Amino acid sequence: PEEFPLAVAAAVEESAGQVPVLAGAGYGTALAVQYARAAEEAGADGLLAMPPYLVVADQEGLLNHYAALAAATGLETIVYQRDNAIFTPETVVALARTPGIIGLKDGHGDLDLMQRIVSAVRTHRPDGDFLYFNGLPTAELTGPAYRGIGVTLYSSAVFAFAPDIALAFYRALDSGDDALVDGLLDHFYRPLVELRAKGRGYAVSLVKAGVRL
């Protein structure tokens, strides 16, 4: 839609170079490429490649889709694993070897699969510069588990409406302050997730409501 480049440009202007701006690019390959190019023209620093729309593709199809998207611009791309875009370790190795693709954001939550992905990429691309992000709806809740398999980066929805809490949790997790981590999980994050679980769509609507407070 017409508002997409306007939204990206507004984010670029507001951030003023203080943090990188990653724009989402999804739907089918042709439309995703259009979004990616519009994001680049609007000044985005990178792309978050969303799953293809509707179709459940095989691994070769997924790889071709993301390779075409990465080749369409000069922006670095993080691939979002979720819904109908779930990858085998072999496919992620191929993605990690694809020019322009720098990381994987996991919104699927299968730790066994993620451990095998991390291990496969470490084995077949030992330079170690491929990035992994915990992208589950409230990533802090699974932060300790993901950290155990080497995934230390995550996206925080809580940061959008309670940045002090989000930063306190991040610092506690990063420094090994288990008591504070457990306290925040028990008294803030778990109740938040239980509230989120009361209805479909709450994962997003709760964040929007929090921002409006």
Protein backbone atom coordinates (compact mmCIF):
# COMPACT_ATOMS: atom_id res chain seq x y z
CA PRO A 1 0.00 0.00 0.00
CA GLU A 2 0.90 3.60 -0.51
CA GLU A 3 1.49 4.24 3.19
CA PHE A 4 4.31 1.67 3.47
CA PRO A 5 7.18 3.90 2.27
CA LEU A 6 5.72 6.79 4.26
CA ALA A 7 5.80 4.70 7.44
CA VAL A 8 9.37 3.59 6.78
CA ALA A 9 10.47 7.16 6.03
CA ALA A 10 8.81 8.37 9.24
CA ALA A 11 10.68 5.73 11.26
CA VAL A 12 13.95 6.69 9.59
CA GLU A 13 13.37 10.37 10.34
CA GLU A 14 12.34 9.74 13.94
CA SER A 15 15.28 7.43 14.71
CA ALA A 16 17.71 9.96 13.20
CA GLY A 17 20.43 7.36 12.81
CA GLN A 18 20.47 6.41 16.49
CA VAL A 19 19.22 2.88 15.81
CA PRO A 20 18.88 0.90 12.58
CA VAL A 21 15.47 0.75 10.94
CA LEU A 22 14.41 -2.64 9.60
CA ALA A 23 11.37 -2.74 7.35
CA GLY A 24 9.15 -5.76 6.91
CA ALA A 25 8.84 -7.33 3.47
CA GLY A 26 6.35 -10.10 2.90
CA TYR A 27 3.66 -11.64 0.68
CA GLY A 28 4.60 -13.38 -2.58
CA THR A 29 8.03 -12.92 -4.10
CA ALA A 30 7.09 -10.18 -6.58
CA LEU A 31 5.26 -8.09 -4.00
CA ALA A 32 7.92 -8.70 -1.34
CA VAL A 33 10.54 -7.40 -3.76
CA GLN A 34 8.44 -4.28 -4.34
CA TYR A 35 8.21 -3.68 -0.60
CA ALA A 36 11.95 -4.25 -0.21
CA ARG A 37 12.82 -1.74 -2.91
CA ALA A 38 10.38 0.80 -1.50
CA ALA A 39 11.96 0.35 1.93
CA GLU A 40 15.43 0.90 0.51
CA GLU A 41 14.31 4.07 -1.26
CA ALA A 42 12.71 5.29 1.98
CA GLY A 43 16.02 4.95 3.81
CA ALA A 44 15.66 1.68 5.72
CA ASP A 45 18.84 0.07 7.01
CA GLY A 46 17.71 -3.52 6.53
CA LEU A 47 14.83 -5.91 5.96
CA LEU A 48 12.89 -8.37 8.08
CA ALA A 49 11.69 -10.92 5.54
CA MET A 50 8.25 -12.18 6.52
CA PRO A 51 6.83 -15.57 5.41
CA PRO A 52 5.28 -15.80 1.94
CA TYR A 53 1.56 -15.20 1.90
CA LEU A 54 -0.78 -18.21 2.27
CA VAL A 55 1.20 -20.85 0.38
CA VAL A 56 3.03 -23.60 2.28
CA ALA A 57 6.13 -23.98 0.14
CA ASP A 58 8.72 -26.73 0.18
CA GLN A 59 12.25 -25.96 1.34
CA GLU A 60 13.54 -25.27 -2.17
CA GLY A 61 10.72 -22.83 -2.78
CA LEU A 62 11.37 -21.01 0.48
CA LEU A 63 15.07 -20.77 -0.29
CA ASN A 64 14.39 -19.40 -3.77
CA HIS A 65 11.93 -16.84 -2.36
CA TYR A 66 14.34 -15.44 0.21
CA ALA A 67 17.30 -15.52 -2.17
CA ALA A 68 15.33 -13.46 -4.70
CA LEU A 69 14.30 -11.01 -1.99
CA ALA A 70 17.86 -10.62 -0.71
CA ALA A 71 19.15 -10.03 -4.24
CA ALA A 72 16.59 -7.32 -4.98
CA THR A 73 18.25 -4.58 -2.90
CA GLY A 74 21.50 -3.69 -1.23
CA LEU A 75 19.92 -4.04 2.21
CA GLU A 76 20.92 -6.76 4.65
CA THR A 77 18.10 -9.18 5.37
CA ILE A 78 16.98 -11.12 8.44
CA VAL A 79 14.64 -14.02 7.66
CA TYR A 80 11.67 -14.55 10.00
CA GLN A 81 10.95 -18.21 10.75
CA ARG A 82 7.29 -18.61 11.69
CA ASP A 83 3.91 -19.91 10.51
CA ASN A 84 4.36 -21.33 7.00
CA ALA A 85 8.09 -20.62 6.80
CA ILE A 86 9.73 -23.28 8.97
CA PHE A 87 13.20 -24.30 7.86
CA THR A 88 15.31 -27.41 8.09
CA PRO A 89 18.88 -26.95 9.33
CA GLU A 90 20.11 -27.60 5.78
CA THR A 91 17.98 -24.78 4.41
CA VAL A 92 19.26 -22.35 7.04
CA VAL A 93 22.83 -23.30 6.10
CA ALA A 94 21.94 -22.38 2.52
CA LEU A 95 20.32 -19.13 3.67
CA ALA A 96 23.43 -18.30 5.69
CA ARG A 97 25.50 -18.72 2.53
CA THR A 98 23.19 -16.44 0.52
CA PRO A 99 24.61 -12.96 -0.09
CA GLY A 100 22.66 -10.33 1.80
CA ILE A 101 21.06 -12.67 4.35
CA ILE A 102 22.66 -12.05 7.74
CA GLY A 103 20.40 -13.76 10.26
CA LEU A 104 17.36 -15.74 11.33
CA LYS A 105 14.61 -14.57 13.67
CA ASP A 106 12.77 -17.50 15.22
CA GLY A 107 9.08 -17.08 15.93
CA HIS A 108 8.39 -20.82 15.85
CA GLY A 109 9.71 -21.75 19.28
CA ASP A 110 10.99 -25.28 18.65
CA LEU A 111 14.20 -25.32 20.71
CA ASP A 112 15.22 -28.74 19.42
CA LEU A 113 15.03 -27.46 15.85
CA MET A 114 16.84 -24.24 16.74
CA GLN A 115 19.65 -26.15 18.43
CA ARG A 116 20.09 -28.24 15.29
CA ILE A 117 20.02 -25.11 13.12
CA VAL A 118 22.66 -23.37 15.23
CA SER A 119 24.82 -26.50 15.20
CA ALA A 120 24.50 -27.00 11.44
CA VAL A 121 25.38 -23.41 10.60
CA ARG A 122 28.28 -23.47 13.05
CA THR A 123 29.56 -26.63 11.36
CA HIS A 124 29.13 -25.58 7.75
CA ARG A 125 29.73 -21.84 8.07
CA PRO A 126 32.29 -21.60 10.86
CA ASP A 127 33.02 -17.87 10.47
CA GLY A 128 30.37 -17.33 13.15
CA ASP A 129 28.85 -14.08 11.90
CA PHE A 130 25.31 -15.36 11.23
CA LEU A 131 22.84 -13.80 13.68
CA TYR A 132 20.00 -15.47 15.56
CA PHE A 133 17.09 -13.74 17.28
CA ASN A 134 14.43 -15.08 19.60
CA GLY A 135 11.30 -13.67 17.97
CA LEU A 136 8.56 -15.24 20.06
CA PRO A 137 5.69 -12.92 21.09
CA THR A 138 7.08 -12.26 24.59
CA ALA A 139 10.67 -13.28 24.03
CA GLU A 140 11.81 -12.57 27.58
CA LEU A 141 9.83 -15.55 28.87
CA THR A 142 11.99 -17.93 26.84
CA GLY A 143 15.13 -15.80 27.00
CA PRO A 144 17.02 -18.06 29.43
CA ALA A 145 16.21 -21.16 27.36
CA TYR A 146 17.31 -19.57 24.09
CA ARG A 147 20.46 -18.25 25.71
CA GLY A 148 21.25 -21.85 26.65
CA ILE A 149 21.54 -22.79 22.96
CA GLY A 150 23.55 -19.70 22.07
CA VAL A 151 20.74 -17.38 20.93
CA THR A 152 21.33 -14.24 22.98
CA LEU A 153 19.54 -11.67 20.81
CA TYR A 154 15.80 -11.11 20.95
CA SER A 155 13.11 -8.62 20.02
CA SER A 156 11.19 -7.14 22.94
CA ALA A 157 7.57 -6.08 22.50
CA VAL A 158 7.61 -4.94 26.13
CA PHE A 159 10.24 -2.34 25.23
CA ALA A 160 7.56 -0.55 23.20
CA PHE A 161 5.46 0.27 26.27
CA ALA A 162 7.57 -0.49 29.37
CA PRO A 163 11.18 0.16 28.33
CA ASP A 164 12.53 0.40 31.88
CA ILE A 165 11.31 -3.12 32.66
CA ALA A 166 12.56 -4.46 29.34
CA LEU A 167 16.02 -2.96 29.86
CA ALA A 168 16.18 -4.18 33.46
CA PHE A 169 15.42 -7.71 32.29
CA TYR A 170 17.96 -7.55 29.48
CA ARG A 171 20.71 -6.33 31.80
CA ALA A 172 19.88 -8.95 34.42
CA LEU A 173 19.87 -11.74 31.85
CA ASP A 174 23.09 -10.52 30.27
CA SER A 175 24.90 -10.18 33.60
CA GLY A 176 23.66 -13.45 35.08
CA ASP A 177 21.51 -11.85 37.78
CA ASP A 178 19.25 -14.89 38.10
CA ALA A 179 17.32 -13.54 41.08
CA LEU A 180 16.20 -10.44 39.18
CA VAL A 181 15.47 -12.46 36.04
CA ASP A 182 13.29 -14.86 38.03
CA GLY A 183 11.54 -12.02 39.83
CA LEU A 184 10.65 -10.23 36.61
CA LEU A 185 9.53 -13.47 34.98
CA ASP A 186 7.36 -14.42 37.96
CA HIS A 187 5.77 -11.05 38.66
CA PHE A 188 5.61 -9.33 35.28
CA TYR A 189 6.29 -11.47 32.22
CA ARG A 190 4.36 -14.61 33.18
CA PRO A 191 1.22 -12.62 34.15
CA LEU A 192 1.55 -10.67 30.90
CA VAL A 193 1.74 -13.87 28.86
CA GLU A 194 -1.22 -15.35 30.72
CA LEU A 195 -3.23 -12.22 29.90
CA ARG A 196 -2.08 -12.46 26.28
CA ALA A 197 -3.28 -16.05 26.12
CA LYS A 198 -6.87 -15.07 26.93
CA GLY A 199 -7.65 -14.21 23.32
CA ARG A 200 -6.29 -14.51 19.80
CA GLY A 201 -4.63 -11.31 18.68
CA TYR A 202 -3.83 -10.18 22.21
CA ALA A 203 -0.09 -10.49 21.54
CA VAL A 204 -0.35 -7.39 19.35
CA SER A 205 -3.35 -5.59 20.84
CA LEU A 206 -1.87 -5.62 24.36
CA VAL A 207 1.27 -3.89 23.09
CA LYS A 208 -0.81 -1.26 21.30
CA ALA A 209 -2.87 -0.71 24.44
CA GLY A 210 0.29 -0.37 26.50
CA VAL A 211 1.72 2.23 24.14
CA ARG A 212 -1.45 4.30 24.48
CA LEU A 213 -1.25 4.37 28.29
